[in-house]
C-alpha atoms as a PDB file:
ATOM      1  CA  MET A   1      -0.070  -0.144   0.276  1.00  0.00           C
ATOM      2  CA  PHE A   2       1.388   3.344  -1.139  1.00  0.00           C
ATOM      3  CA  GLY A   3       2.462   5.414   1.403  1.00  0.00           C
ATOM      4  CA  SER A   4       2.519   2.845   4.549  1.00  0.00           C
ATOM      5  CA  ASP A   5       5.158   1.554   6.603  1.00  0.00           C
ATOM      6  CA  SER A   6       4.109  -2.060   5.704  1.00  0.00           C
ATOM      7  CA  GLU A   7       7.022  -2.580   3.280  1.00  0.00           C
ATOM      8  CA  PHE A   8       9.727  -1.275   5.371  1.00  0.00           C
ATOM      9  CA  CYS A   9       8.482  -3.654   8.321  1.00  0.00           C
ATOM     10  CA  ARG A  10       7.982  -6.667   6.579  1.00  0.00           C
ATOM     11  CA  LYS A  11      11.670  -6.315   5.114  1.00  0.00           C
ATOM     12  CA  THR A  12      12.653  -5.902   8.567  1.00  0.00           C
ATOM     13  CA  ASN A  13      10.764  -8.462  10.310  1.00  0.00           C
ATOM     14  CA  ARG A  14      11.728 -11.346   7.706  1.00  0.00           C
ATOM     15  CA  GLY A  15      15.389  -9.799   8.352  1.00  0.00           C
ATOM     16  CA  THR A  16      15.951 -10.028  11.692  1.00  0.00           C
ATOM     17  CA  GLY A  17      12.721 -12.245  12.361  1.00  0.00           C
ATOM     18  CA  VAL A  18      11.769 -10.033  15.691  1.00  0.00           C
ATOM     19  CA  MET A  19       7.671  -9.833  16.025  1.00  0.00           C
ATOM     20  CA  CYS A  20       6.344  -7.506  18.590  1.00  0.00           C
ATOM     21  CA  HIS A  21       3.040  -8.034  20.366  1.00  0.00           C
ATOM     22  CA  ILE A  22       0.727  -5.045  19.417  1.00  0.00           C
ATOM     23  CA  ALA A  23      -2.455  -3.739  20.936  1.00  0.00           C
ATOM     24  CA  PRO A  24      -5.539  -4.077  20.923  1.00  0.00           C
ATOM     25  CA  GLU A  25      -4.767  -8.197  21.408  1.00  0.00           C
ATOM     26  CA  ALA A  26      -1.429  -7.386  23.568  1.00  0.00           C
ATOM     27  CA  PRO A  27      -2.168  -4.166  25.837  1.00  0.00           C
ATOM     28  CA  PHE A  28       1.129  -2.472  27.188  1.00  0.00           C
ATOM     29  CA  PRO A  29       3.645  -3.612  28.522  1.00  0.00           C
ATOM     30  CA  ALA A  30       3.693  -6.787  26.427  1.00  0.00           C
ATOM     31  CA  ALA A  31       5.473  -4.733  23.216  1.00  0.00           C
ATOM     32  CA  TYR A  32       7.833  -3.314  25.518  1.00  0.00           C
ATOM     33  CA  ASP A  33       8.708  -6.575  27.168  1.00  0.00           C
ATOM     34  CA  ASP A  34       9.111  -8.257  23.935  1.00  0.00           C
ATOM     35  CA  LEU A  35      11.699  -5.642  23.124  1.00  0.00           C
ATOM     36  CA  CYS A  36      13.353  -6.252  26.502  1.00  0.00           C
ATOM     37  CA  ASP A  37      13.655  -9.698  25.594  1.00  0.00           C
ATOM     38  CA  VAL A  38      15.147  -9.319  22.023  1.00  0.00           C
ATOM     39  CA  VAL A  39      17.699  -6.780  23.619  1.00  0.00           C
ATOM     40  CA  ALA A  40      18.421  -9.084  26.041  1.00  0.00           C
ATOM     41  CA  HIS A  41      18.848 -12.311  24.336  1.00  0.00           C
ATOM     42  CA  ILE A  42      21.300 -10.168  22.038  1.00  0.00           C
ATOM     43  CA  LEU A  43      23.369  -8.914  25.178  1.00  0.00           C
ATOM     44  CA  ALA A  44      23.342 -12.448  26.815  1.00  0.00           C
ATOM     45  CA  ASN A  45      25.241 -13.913  22.974  1.00  0.00           C
ATOM     46  CA  PRO A  46      27.852 -11.516  22.163  1.00  0.00           C
ATOM     47  CA  ASP A  47      29.716 -14.115  19.923  1.00  0.00           C
ATOM     48  CA  GLY A  48      26.667 -15.128  18.178  1.00  0.00           C
ATOM     49  CA  TYR A  49      25.164 -13.689  14.977  1.00  0.00           C
ATOM     50  CA  TYR A  50      24.727  -9.999  15.762  1.00  0.00           C
ATOM     51  CA  ASP A  51      27.532  -7.256  16.268  1.00  0.00           C
ATOM     52  CA  THR A  52      26.536  -5.805  20.059  1.00  0.00           C
ATOM     53  CA  SER A  53      28.694  -2.989  19.354  1.00  0.00           C
ATOM     54  CA  ARG A  54      26.348  -1.866  16.230  1.00  0.00           C
ATOM     55  CA  ILE A  55      22.759  -2.488  18.028  1.00  0.00           C
ATOM     56  CA  THR A  56      20.202   0.132  16.487  1.00  0.00           C
ATOM     57  CA  VAL A  57      16.676   0.207  17.498  1.00  0.00           C
ATOM     58  CA  GLY A  58      13.798   1.981  15.587  1.00  0.00           C
ATOM     59  CA  LYS A  59       9.633   1.819  15.089  1.00  0.00           C
ATOM     60  CA  PHE A  60       6.835   3.785  13.612  1.00  0.00           C
ATOM     61  CA  SER A  61       4.472   5.780  15.750  1.00  0.00           C
ATOM     62  CA  ALA A  62       3.266   4.080  19.147  1.00  0.00           C
ATOM     63  CA  GLY A  63       6.229   1.801  18.758  1.00  0.00           C
ATOM     64  CA  ALA A  64       8.710   4.861  18.119  1.00  0.00           C
ATOM     65  CA  ALA A  65       8.126   5.837  21.712  1.00  0.00           C
ATOM     66  CA  LEU A  66       8.637   2.279  22.688  1.00  0.00           C
ATOM     67  CA  ALA A  67      12.068   2.720  20.761  1.00  0.00           C
ATOM     68  CA  LEU A  68      12.912   5.960  23.153  1.00  0.00           C
ATOM     69  CA  VAL A  69      11.708   4.099  26.318  1.00  0.00           C
ATOM     70  CA  ILE A  70      13.704   1.268  25.687  1.00  0.00           C
ATOM     71  CA  ASN A  71      16.599   3.587  24.605  1.00  0.00           C
ATOM     72  CA  VAL A  72      16.670   5.203  28.213  1.00  0.00           C
ATOM     73  CA  THR A  73      16.004   2.022  30.313  1.00  0.00           C
ATOM     74  CA  MET A  74      18.658  -0.305  28.925  1.00  0.00           C
ATOM     75  CA  PRO A  75      22.300  -0.111  30.124  1.00  0.00           C
ATOM     76  CA  GLU A  76      23.958   3.104  28.843  1.00  0.00           C
ATOM     77  CA  ASP A  77      25.588   2.688  25.095  1.00  0.00           C
ATOM     78  CA  THR A  78      23.263  -0.659  24.528  1.00  0.00           C
ATOM     79  CA  PHE A  79      22.248   1.271  21.319  1.00  0.00           C
ATOM     80  CA  ARG A  80      24.452   2.939  18.626  1.00  0.00           C
ATOM     81  CA  ALA A  81      21.243   4.570  17.425  1.00  0.00           C
ATOM     82  CA  VAL A  82      17.807   5.275  17.746  1.00  0.00           C
ATOM     83  CA  THR A  83      15.395   5.969  14.935  1.00  0.00           C
ATOM     84  CA  ALA A  84      11.984   6.835  16.335  1.00  0.00           C
ATOM     85  CA  PHE A  85       9.765   7.982  13.144  1.00  0.00           C
ATOM     86  CA  TYR A  86       6.858  10.237  14.491  1.00  0.00           C
ATOM     87  CA  ALA A  87       7.094   8.787  17.860  1.00  0.00           C
ATOM     88  CA  ILE A  88       3.770   9.897  20.095  1.00  0.00           C
ATOM     89  CA  THR A  89       5.718  12.171  22.851  1.00  0.00           C
ATOM     90  CA  ASN A  90       4.936  15.162  25.062  1.00  0.00           C
ATOM     91  CA  LEU A  91       7.750  16.895  25.772  1.00  0.00           C
ATOM     92  CA  LEU A  92       6.028  19.992  27.352  1.00  0.00           C
ATOM     93  CA  LEU A  93       5.300  18.261  30.439  1.00  0.00           C
ATOM     94  CA  THR A  94       7.674  17.848  33.083  1.00  0.00           C
ATOM     95  CA  GLY A  95       8.093  17.367  36.733  1.00  0.00           C
ATOM     96  CA  SER A  96       4.935  18.214  38.637  1.00  0.00           C
ATOM     97  CA  ASP A  97       3.251  18.609  35.718  1.00  0.00           C
ATOM     98  CA  CYS A  98       2.925  15.222  34.400  1.00  0.00           C
ATOM     99  CA  PRO A  99      -0.405  13.534  35.299  1.00  0.00           C
ATOM    100  CA  THR A 100      -0.424  10.777  37.499  1.00  0.00           C
ATOM    101  CA  ILE A 101      -1.967   7.329  36.833  1.00  0.00           C
ATOM    102  CA  LEU A 102      -4.972   7.002  38.891  1.00  0.00           C
ATOM    103  CA  LYS A 103      -5.790   3.440  37.976  1.00  0.00           C
ATOM    104  CA  PRO A 104      -2.122   1.452  37.256  1.00  0.00           C
ATOM    105  CA  ILE A 105      -2.092  -0.812  34.463  1.00  0.00           C
END
């Protein structure tokens, strides 16, 4: 489909074999947990198929927000690059301005 991310995602998934759970079938934090599992596996096998000095993460939309989050929750220097295509973010809210979660997930 012209203008969609589907071709890029299909090629990436075929190349890496990585598939993340998606909402609404799998609510948050399922996709985040999937990404953490993939990164943990790669880091636990430094002599394996992947060059752990060249790990990057990138996603689209809500997944791009996950890419940003996983970048700051993994050990420093885990990723060489993060590509967040039209990430859903709100950088205007900080500290006490941030809304609190009334009903934890």
